[in-house]
């Protein structure tokens, strides 16, 4: 099952780089959002003294994820640029 999931994610990345469709970008964000929330949790644990920072940490992590997906270049894309 893991290889099927990896194949699906690879296909999403290829579609994103070929067409830059928002629906594909959003699918990638949904796929990686649990990871972004784990990062947000780790940051929140370190800054919990700020009070209601959980939502801010989560929002920042998801915005960072969106920006990362927008900027990400695959190896094949890098090869084309070089």
Protein backbone atom coordinates (compact mmCIF):
# COMPACT_ATOMS: atom_id res chain seq x y z
CA UNK A 1 0.00 0.00 0.00
CA UNK A 2 2.86 2.36 0.73
CA UNK A 3 4.19 2.20 -2.81
CA UNK A 4 0.70 2.96 -4.17
CA UNK A 5 0.51 6.02 -1.95
CA UNK A 6 4.00 7.06 -3.00
CA UNK A 7 3.00 6.61 -6.64
CA UNK A 8 -0.07 8.79 -6.11
CA UNK A 9 1.98 11.51 -4.45
CA UNK A 10 4.56 11.34 -7.24
CA UNK A 11 1.78 11.68 -9.79
CA UNK A 12 0.42 14.72 -7.96
CA UNK A 13 3.86 16.35 -8.00
CA UNK A 14 4.22 15.67 -11.71
CA UNK A 15 0.77 17.12 -12.41
CA UNK A 16 1.54 20.16 -10.29
CA UNK A 17 4.74 20.89 -12.21
CA UNK A 18 3.14 20.24 -15.59
CA UNK A 19 -0.09 22.21 -15.17
CA UNK A 20 0.12 24.26 -11.96
CA UNK A 21 -3.56 23.58 -11.23
CA UNK A 22 -4.78 24.77 -7.84
CA UNK A 23 -6.75 21.58 -7.25
CA UNK A 24 -3.52 19.58 -7.52
CA UNK A 25 -1.69 22.00 -5.22
CA UNK A 26 -4.51 21.72 -2.71
CA UNK A 27 -4.34 17.92 -2.84
CA UNK A 28 -0.62 18.11 -2.04
CA UNK A 29 -1.31 20.47 0.85
CA UNK A 30 -3.94 18.10 2.22
CA UNK A 31 -1.47 15.22 1.87
CA UNK A 32 1.27 17.02 3.81
CA UNK A 33 -0.91 18.98 6.28
CA UNK A 34 -0.53 16.37 9.08
CA UNK A 35 3.23 16.97 8.91
CA UNK A 36 2.70 20.74 9.05
CA UNK A 37 0.46 20.32 12.09
CA UNK A 38 3.16 18.24 13.81
CA UNK A 39 5.63 21.07 13.21
CA UNK A 40 3.06 23.54 14.59
CA UNK A 41 2.61 21.36 17.66
CA UNK A 42 6.36 21.27 18.29
CA UNK A 43 6.57 25.06 18.00
CA UNK A 44 3.53 25.52 20.23
CA UNK A 45 5.03 23.29 22.92
CA UNK A 46 8.07 25.60 22.99
CA UNK A 47 6.04 28.83 23.06
CA UNK A 48 2.96 27.73 25.04
CA UNK A 49 3.56 30.60 27.44
CA UNK A 50 2.18 32.94 24.76
CA UNK A 51 -1.30 31.71 25.59
CA UNK A 52 -3.58 31.17 22.62
CA UNK A 53 -0.76 30.57 20.14
CA UNK A 54 -1.95 27.16 18.88
CA UNK A 55 -4.08 28.61 16.08
CA UNK A 56 -1.30 31.01 15.08
CA UNK A 57 1.24 28.19 14.99
CA UNK A 58 -1.06 26.02 12.88
CA UNK A 59 -1.86 28.84 10.50
CA UNK A 60 1.81 29.71 10.05
CA UNK A 61 2.70 26.07 9.42
CA UNK A 62 0.00 25.67 6.76
CA UNK A 63 0.95 28.94 5.05
CA UNK A 64 4.55 27.78 5.06
CA UNK A 65 3.44 24.49 3.52
CA UNK A 66 1.55 26.32 0.76
CA UNK A 67 4.60 28.45 0.02
CA UNK A 68 6.87 25.40 0.00
CA UNK A 69 4.64 23.54 -2.47
CA UNK A 70 4.59 26.61 -4.72
CA UNK A 71 8.40 26.83 -4.74
CA UNK A 72 9.32 23.14 -4.75
CA UNK A 73 11.32 21.94 -7.75
CA UNK A 74 11.67 18.25 -8.54
CA UNK A 75 14.96 16.78 -9.67
CA UNK A 76 13.68 16.59 -13.24
CA UNK A 77 12.70 20.26 -13.12
CA UNK A 78 16.15 21.17 -11.84
CA UNK A 79 17.74 19.15 -14.65
CA UNK A 80 15.70 21.11 -17.19
CA UNK A 81 16.84 24.41 -15.69
CA UNK A 82 20.50 23.44 -15.76
